[in-house]
């Protein structure tokens, strides 16, 4: 396998064909159709791709683990289906969410079946590896739910600490990336130490990704971002930026920040501009970039310490991760 872009495209195409060719069930159609629907909406397929590339660093027959890798994507989409209900979100990847297209009860049930099918897919694993993989998968799944609950709890809290926020995004977002990488390494028979380093790499990169999302929501180029810039400010979402601003704002800045956070009625554009100005005065952008870079640096150092048989797959995975780190939307 060489490190040109076509290799990633080939892996993604094999994965996509596998996903689209899988039958989740047929009757009742109202239960299974929403699963095929959400899985057909696409997305970057980053998590199963990480599993396949992690595997490919140690063994070349990644086609052997397409079904277990797909389990990671099915689980991820199950969480999205239920998150959309909780958030009352109308759109997912530019299309109607399942609860909008059908109804909330159907979306709950279909999501439940997706989780069951993810376990079915894990049964494709070598029986000797199944116990350890199931244990790690279950731990990850529970942490994702814990992270979501913490995030909901934060909505009702006046103050959230930086450490509590970092731990929430670790659970809600980063542990699944870590699992995806560790999972592929375990399936390939990689050394335990390497598998654990890949988990830590994924978690640190995942935390960095979320901090970057927080930053882009405020400071992205509107044309490139693809969604409303300042959405987190409008909704008072407790991102790293707001948490640090509340911690560091003094005097007039603090009063102005509290005014905009507490206002029930406001002009959205005016609020975004006013809060962004406060962020600029405090230096929140630089603080966020520094924190984000700490996690990226830590993750890439762990990745650099690996000693893998297939350097081409290693370089491909490194490039994909770097491209994600450097994205502007």
Protein backbone atom coordinates (compact mmCIF):
# COMPACT_ATOMS: atom_id res chain seq x y z
CA UNK A 1 0.00 0.00 0.00
CA UNK A 2 1.49 3.35 -1.02
CA UNK A 3 0.66 6.65 0.61
CA UNK A 4 -1.07 8.36 -2.31
CA UNK A 5 -4.58 9.69 -1.91
CA UNK A 6 -6.11 6.91 -3.99
CA UNK A 7 -5.37 4.41 -1.25
CA UNK A 8 -7.57 6.30 1.19
CA UNK A 9 -10.22 6.61 -1.50
CA UNK A 10 -10.02 2.86 -2.13
CA UNK A 11 -10.39 2.07 1.57
CA UNK A 12 -13.29 4.52 1.88
CA UNK A 13 -14.98 3.08 -1.21
CA UNK A 14 -14.63 -0.48 0.12
CA UNK A 15 -16.05 0.71 3.44
CA UNK A 16 -18.93 2.59 1.80
CA UNK A 17 -19.85 -0.40 -0.37
CA UNK A 18 -19.84 -2.57 2.75
CA UNK A 19 -22.04 -0.10 4.65
CA UNK A 20 -24.56 0.29 1.83
CA UNK A 21 -24.68 -3.45 1.20
CA UNK A 22 -25.48 -4.38 4.80
CA UNK A 23 -29.05 -5.35 5.73
CA UNK A 24 -30.15 -4.17 9.17
CA UNK A 25 -33.54 -5.90 8.86
CA UNK A 26 -36.68 -5.55 6.77
CA UNK A 27 -39.86 -5.69 8.85
CA UNK A 28 -41.41 -3.56 10.12
CA UNK A 29 -40.14 -1.21 7.46
CA UNK A 30 -40.78 1.84 9.71
CA UNK A 31 -38.15 0.49 12.14
CA UNK A 32 -35.40 -0.30 9.64
CA UNK A 33 -35.85 2.35 6.97
CA UNK A 34 -34.64 5.18 9.27
CA UNK A 35 -31.39 3.24 9.89
CA UNK A 36 -30.65 2.91 6.18
CA UNK A 37 -31.58 6.57 5.82
CA UNK A 38 -29.18 7.96 8.43
CA UNK A 39 -26.39 5.65 7.28
CA UNK A 40 -26.90 6.82 3.69
CA UNK A 41 -26.43 10.50 4.65
CA UNK A 42 -22.69 9.92 4.43
CA UNK A 43 -20.34 11.97 6.54
CA UNK A 44 -16.57 11.62 6.49
CA UNK A 45 -16.54 8.06 7.94
CA UNK A 46 -13.53 9.18 9.99
CA UNK A 47 -13.97 6.68 12.85
CA UNK A 48 -14.09 3.45 10.82
CA UNK A 49 -11.35 4.84 8.57
CA UNK A 50 -9.15 5.28 11.66
CA UNK A 51 -9.85 1.65 12.59
CA UNK A 52 -8.94 0.40 9.09
CA UNK A 53 -5.76 2.51 8.84
CA UNK A 54 -4.69 1.58 12.36
CA UNK A 55 -5.08 -2.08 11.38
CA UNK A 56 -3.25 -1.48 8.07
CA UNK A 57 -0.17 -0.24 9.94
CA UNK A 58 0.31 -3.83 11.17
CA UNK A 59 -1.47 -6.03 8.59
CA UNK A 60 -2.32 -5.47 4.94
CA UNK A 61 -5.67 -7.32 4.66
CA UNK A 62 -7.90 -4.51 6.03
CA UNK A 63 -10.84 -5.96 4.03
CA UNK A 64 -11.02 -8.67 6.71
CA UNK A 65 -12.23 -6.17 9.32
CA UNK A 66 -14.72 -4.09 7.33
CA UNK A 67 -17.65 -5.39 9.40
CA UNK A 68 -16.12 -4.64 12.84
CA UNK A 69 -14.97 -1.21 11.55
CA UNK A 70 -18.52 -0.58 10.37
CA UNK A 71 -19.73 -1.27 13.93
CA UNK A 72 -17.87 1.87 15.05
CA UNK A 73 -19.71 3.96 12.43
CA UNK A 74 -23.11 2.42 13.25
CA UNK A 75 -22.59 3.17 16.94
CA UNK A 76 -21.54 6.74 16.12
CA UNK A 77 -24.66 7.29 14.00
CA UNK A 78 -26.84 5.75 16.72
CA UNK A 79 -25.55 8.43 19.12
CA UNK A 80 -26.24 11.13 16.50
CA UNK A 81 -29.81 9.90 16.00
CA UNK A 82 -30.53 10.12 19.72
CA UNK A 83 -28.58 13.40 20.13
CA UNK A 84 -30.73 14.97 17.41
CA UNK A 85 -33.87 14.08 19.39
CA UNK A 86 -32.40 15.59 22.57
CA UNK A 87 -31.32 18.74 20.72
CA UNK A 88 -34.58 18.91 18.72
CA UNK A 89 -32.32 19.36 15.67
CA UNK A 90 -34.14 19.70 12.33
CA UNK A 91 -31.18 18.87 10.07
CA UNK A 92 -28.35 16.35 9.95
CA UNK A 93 -25.79 16.73 7.15
CA UNK A 94 -28.19 19.07 5.36
CA UNK A 95 -31.12 16.61 5.38
CA UNK A 96 -34.10 16.16 7.70
CA UNK A 97 -33.21 14.35 10.94
CA UNK A 98 -34.87 10.98 11.56
CA UNK A 99 -37.26 12.31 14.22
CA UNK A 100 -38.34 15.07 11.81
CA UNK A 101 -38.79 12.74 8.82
CA UNK A 102 -40.57 10.07 10.90
CA UNK A 103 -41.18 10.88 14.60
CA UNK A 104 -39.31 10.84 17.92
CA UNK A 105 -40.58 7.43 19.03
CA UNK A 106 -39.48 5.80 15.78
CA UNK A 107 -36.08 7.52 16.02
CA UNK A 108 -35.62 6.20 19.58
CA UNK A 109 -36.52 2.63 18.56
CA UNK A 110 -34.47 2.69 15.37
CA UNK A 111 -31.50 4.00 17.34
CA UNK A 112 -31.92 1.15 19.81
CA UNK A 113 -31.79 -1.39 16.97
CA UNK A 114 -28.68 0.32 15.57
CA UNK A 115 -26.91 -0.35 18.86
CA UNK A 116 -28.01 -4.00 18.73
CA UNK A 117 -26.74 -4.30 15.14
CA UNK A 118 -23.40 -2.76 16.15
CA UNK A 119 -23.00 -5.65 18.60
CA UNK A 120 -23.93 -8.10 15.83
CA UNK A 121 -21.12 -6.66 13.72
CA UNK A 122 -18.64 -7.05 16.57
CA UNK A 123 -19.35 -10.79 16.55
CA UNK A 124 -17.33 -10.90 13.31
CA UNK A 125 -14.19 -10.47 15.46
CA UNK A 126 -11.76 -13.33 16.13
CA UNK A 127 -13.33 -15.09 19.18
CA UNK A 128 -10.02 -14.83 21.07
CA UNK A 129 -10.10 -11.04 20.76
CA UNK A 130 -13.84 -10.59 21.34
CA UNK A 131 -13.81 -10.27 25.19
CA UNK A 132 -11.21 -7.49 25.28
CA UNK A 133 -12.82 -5.66 22.34
CA UNK A 134 -16.30 -5.88 23.86
CA UNK A 135 -15.03 -4.60 27.19
CA UNK A 136 -13.35 -1.60 25.54
CA UNK A 137 -16.37 -0.94 23.32
CA UNK A 138 -18.74 -1.01 26.31
CA UNK A 139 -16.48 1.28 28.34
CA UNK A 140 -16.35 3.71 25.40
CA UNK A 141 -20.12 3.59 24.82
CA UNK A 142 -20.81 4.33 28.49
CA UNK A 143 -18.34 7.24 28.49
CA UNK A 144 -19.97 8.78 25.40
CA UNK A 145 -23.31 8.73 27.26
CA UNK A 146 -21.68 10.14 30.40
CA UNK A 147 -20.17 12.96 28.34
CA UNK A 148 -23.55 13.78 26.79
CA UNK A 149 -25.15 13.92 30.25
CA UNK A 150 -22.38 16.19 31.57
CA UNK A 151 -22.92 18.47 28.55
CA UNK A 152 -26.65 18.67 29.34
CA UNK A 153 -25.89 19.30 33.02
CA UNK A 154 -23.62 22.20 32.05
CA UNK A 155 -26.59 23.98 30.42
CA UNK A 156 -28.12 24.46 33.89
CA UNK A 157 -24.88 25.46 35.64
CA UNK A 158 -23.69 29.06 36.02
CA UNK A 159 -20.04 28.08 36.24
CA UNK A 160 -18.18 25.18 34.65
CA UNK A 161 -14.46 24.66 35.29
CA UNK A 162 -11.94 24.26 32.48
CA UNK A 163 -11.06 20.76 33.74
CA UNK A 164 -14.70 19.69 33.86
CA UNK A 165 -15.21 20.93 30.29
CA UNK A 166 -12.10 19.16 28.96
CA UNK A 167 -13.21 15.93 30.64
CA UNK A 168 -16.70 16.27 29.14
CA UNK A 169 -15.37 16.63 25.59
CA UNK A 170 -12.94 13.78 26.24
CA UNK A 171 -15.89 11.52 27.01
CA UNK A 172 -18.44 12.86 24.53
CA UNK A 173 -16.15 13.12 21.50
CA UNK A 174 -12.57 11.97 22.00
CA UNK A 175 -12.86 8.48 23.53
CA UNK A 176 -14.60 7.12 20.42
CA UNK A 177 -11.70 8.30 18.24
CA UNK A 178 -9.29 6.69 20.69
CA UNK A 179 -11.26 3.45 20.68
CA UNK A 180 -11.44 3.39 16.85
CA UNK A 181 -7.63 3.50 16.66
CA UNK A 182 -6.98 1.06 19.51
CA UNK A 183 -9.60 -1.31 18.08
CA UNK A 184 -7.86 -1.54 14.70
CA UNK A 185 -4.50 -2.18 16.35
CA UNK A 186 -5.91 -4.94 18.57
CA UNK A 187 -7.59 -6.65 15.59
CA UNK A 188 -4.24 -6.59 13.76
CA UNK A 189 -2.43 -8.19 16.71
CA UNK A 190 -0.34 -5.08 17.42
CA UNK A 191 1.69 -4.89 20.65
CA UNK A 192 -0.47 -3.86 23.64
CA UNK A 193 1.75 -0.82 24.22
CA UNK A 194 1.18 0.38 20.64
CA UNK A 195 -2.58 -0.14 20.92
CA UNK A 196 -2.65 1.95 24.08
CA UNK A 197 -0.53 4.71 22.54
CA UNK A 198 -2.96 4.84 19.62
CA UNK A 199 -5.86 5.19 22.06
CA UNK A 200 -4.12 8.07 23.83
CA UNK A 201 -3.24 9.64 20.46
CA UNK A 202 -6.90 9.52 19.42
CA UNK A 203 -8.14 10.97 22.70
CA UNK A 204 -5.67 13.87 22.67
CA UNK A 205 -6.32 14.66 19.01
CA UNK A 206 -10.08 14.39 19.67
CA UNK A 207 -9.94 16.93 22.49
CA UNK A 208 -7.92 19.22 20.23
CA UNK A 209 -10.53 18.80 17.46
CA UNK A 210 -13.34 19.88 19.76
CA UNK A 211 -11.41 22.90 20.99
CA UNK A 212 -10.82 23.79 17.34
CA UNK A 213 -14.58 23.48 16.70
CA UNK A 214 -15.20 25.86 19.60
CA UNK A 215 -12.71 28.30 18.08
CA UNK A 216 -14.04 28.01 14.51
CA UNK A 217 -17.58 28.67 15.71
CA UNK A 218 -16.48 32.19 16.63
CA UNK A 219 -13.48 32.90 14.40
CA UNK A 220 -14.06 30.89 11.20
CA UNK A 221 -14.34 32.44 7.77
CA UNK A 222 -18.11 32.58 7.27
CA UNK A 223 -17.81 31.44 3.62
CA UNK A 224 -15.74 28.37 4.53
CA UNK A 225 -17.46 27.37 7.78
CA UNK A 226 -20.71 26.12 6.25
CA UNK A 227 -22.87 27.11 9.21
CA UNK A 228 -23.70 30.18 11.24
CA UNK A 229 -20.61 31.74 12.78
CA UNK A 230 -21.27 32.60 16.43
CA UNK A 231 -23.98 30.00 16.99
CA UNK A 232 -22.39 29.03 20.33
CA UNK A 233 -22.38 32.67 21.45
CA UNK A 234 -26.04 33.10 20.52
CA UNK A 235 -27.06 30.02 22.52
CA UNK A 236 -24.70 30.73 25.49
CA UNK A 237 -23.12 27.30 24.95
CA UNK A 238 -20.45 26.69 27.56
CA UNK A 239 -17.49 26.25 25.24
CA UNK A 240 -13.85 26.59 26.25
CA UNK A 241 -13.97 30.20 25.02
CA UNK A 242 -16.92 31.23 27.18
CA UNK A 243 -15.62 29.34 30.22
CA UNK A 244 -12.24 31.13 30.01
CA UNK A 245 -13.88 34.51 29.33
CA UNK A 246 -16.09 34.16 32.43
CA UNK A 247 -13.04 33.17 34.44
CA UNK A 248 -10.83 36.05 33.23
CA UNK A 249 -13.25 38.95 32.57
CA UNK A 250 -12.98 41.83 35.03
CA UNK A 251 -14.92 45.07 35.62
CA UNK A 252 -16.72 46.39 32.54
CA UNK A 253 -15.86 43.30 30.51
CA UNK A 254 -17.48 41.06 33.13
CA UNK A 255 -20.57 43.27 33.32
CA UNK A 256 -20.91 43.33 29.54
CA UNK A 257 -20.46 39.55 29.28
CA UNK A 258 -23.07 38.92 31.97
CA UNK A 259 -25.43 41.34 30.22
CA UNK A 260 -25.23 39.44 26.95
CA UNK A 261 -25.42 36.01 28.61
CA UNK A 262 -28.45 37.03 30.69
CA UNK A 263 -30.37 38.87 27.96
CA UNK A 264 -33.60 37.13 26.95
CA UNK A 265 -34.16 39.31 23.90
CA UNK A 266 -31.34 40.54 21.68
CA UNK A 267 -30.16 41.10 18.12
CA UNK A 268 -28.14 37.98 17.23
CA UNK A 269 -25.56 39.75 15.09
CA UNK A 270 -25.05 42.43 17.74
CA UNK A 271 -24.57 39.81 20.46
CA UNK A 272 -22.01 37.87 18.41
CA UNK A 273 -20.03 41.04 17.69
CA UNK A 274 -20.16 42.27 21.29
CA UNK A 275 -19.10 38.95 22.86
CA UNK A 276 -16.39 38.40 20.22
CA UNK A 277 -15.04 41.87 21.05
CA UNK A 278 -14.81 40.87 24.73
CA UNK A 279 -13.00 37.66 23.70
CA UNK A 280 -10.58 39.76 21.64
CA UNK A 281 -9.88 42.12 24.54
CA UNK A 282 -9.10 39.23 26.91
CA UNK A 283 -7.06 37.26 24.34
CA UNK A 284 -9.36 34.23 24.33
CA UNK A 285 -8.42 33.18 20.78
CA UNK A 286 -4.73 32.82 21.64
CA UNK A 287 -5.55 30.99 24.89
CA UNK A 288 -7.75 28.50 23.02
CA UNK A 289 -5.14 27.98 20.31
CA UNK A 290 -2.48 27.33 22.97
CA UNK A 291 -4.65 24.78 24.79
CA UNK A 292 -5.65 23.12 21.51
CA UNK A 293 -1.99 22.89 20.42
CA UNK A 294 -1.02 21.29 23.74
CA UNK A 295 -3.36 18.38 23.02
CA UNK A 296 -2.31 18.10 19.37
CA UNK A 297 1.40 18.11 20.32
CA UNK A 298 0.85 15.48 22.99
CA UNK A 299 -1.09 13.27 20.57
CA UNK A 300 1.41 13.52 17.72
CA UNK A 301 4.29 12.77 20.13
CA UNK A 302 2.51 9.53 21.11
CA UNK A 303 1.99 8.70 17.43
CA UNK A 304 5.65 9.40 16.61
CA UNK A 305 6.76 6.90 19.27
CA UNK A 306 5.14 3.97 17.40
CA UNK A 307 7.28 1.48 15.52
CA UNK A 308 5.00 -0.07 12.90
CA UNK A 309 5.71 -2.60 10.11
CA UNK A 310 3.91 -0.67 7.35
CA UNK A 311 5.24 2.88 7.07
CA UNK A 312 2.95 3.75 4.15
CA UNK A 313 -0.19 3.20 6.24
CA UNK A 314 1.46 5.11 9.11
CA UNK A 315 2.13 8.08 6.80
CA UNK A 316 -1.40 7.95 5.40
CA UNK A 317 -2.92 8.01 8.88
CA UNK A 318 -0.57 10.82 9.91
CA UNK A 319 -1.51 12.91 6.87
CA UNK A 320 -5.26 12.41 7.37
CA UNK A 321 -4.97 13.47 11.00
CA UNK A 322 -2.85 16.50 10.13
CA UNK A 323 -5.37 17.53 7.45
CA UNK A 324 -8.15 17.39 10.07
CA UNK A 325 -6.04 19.42 12.50
CA UNK A 326 -5.41 22.09 9.88
CA UNK A 327 -8.96 22.33 8.56
CA UNK A 328 -10.71 25.71 8.43
CA UNK A 329 -14.31 24.50 8.63
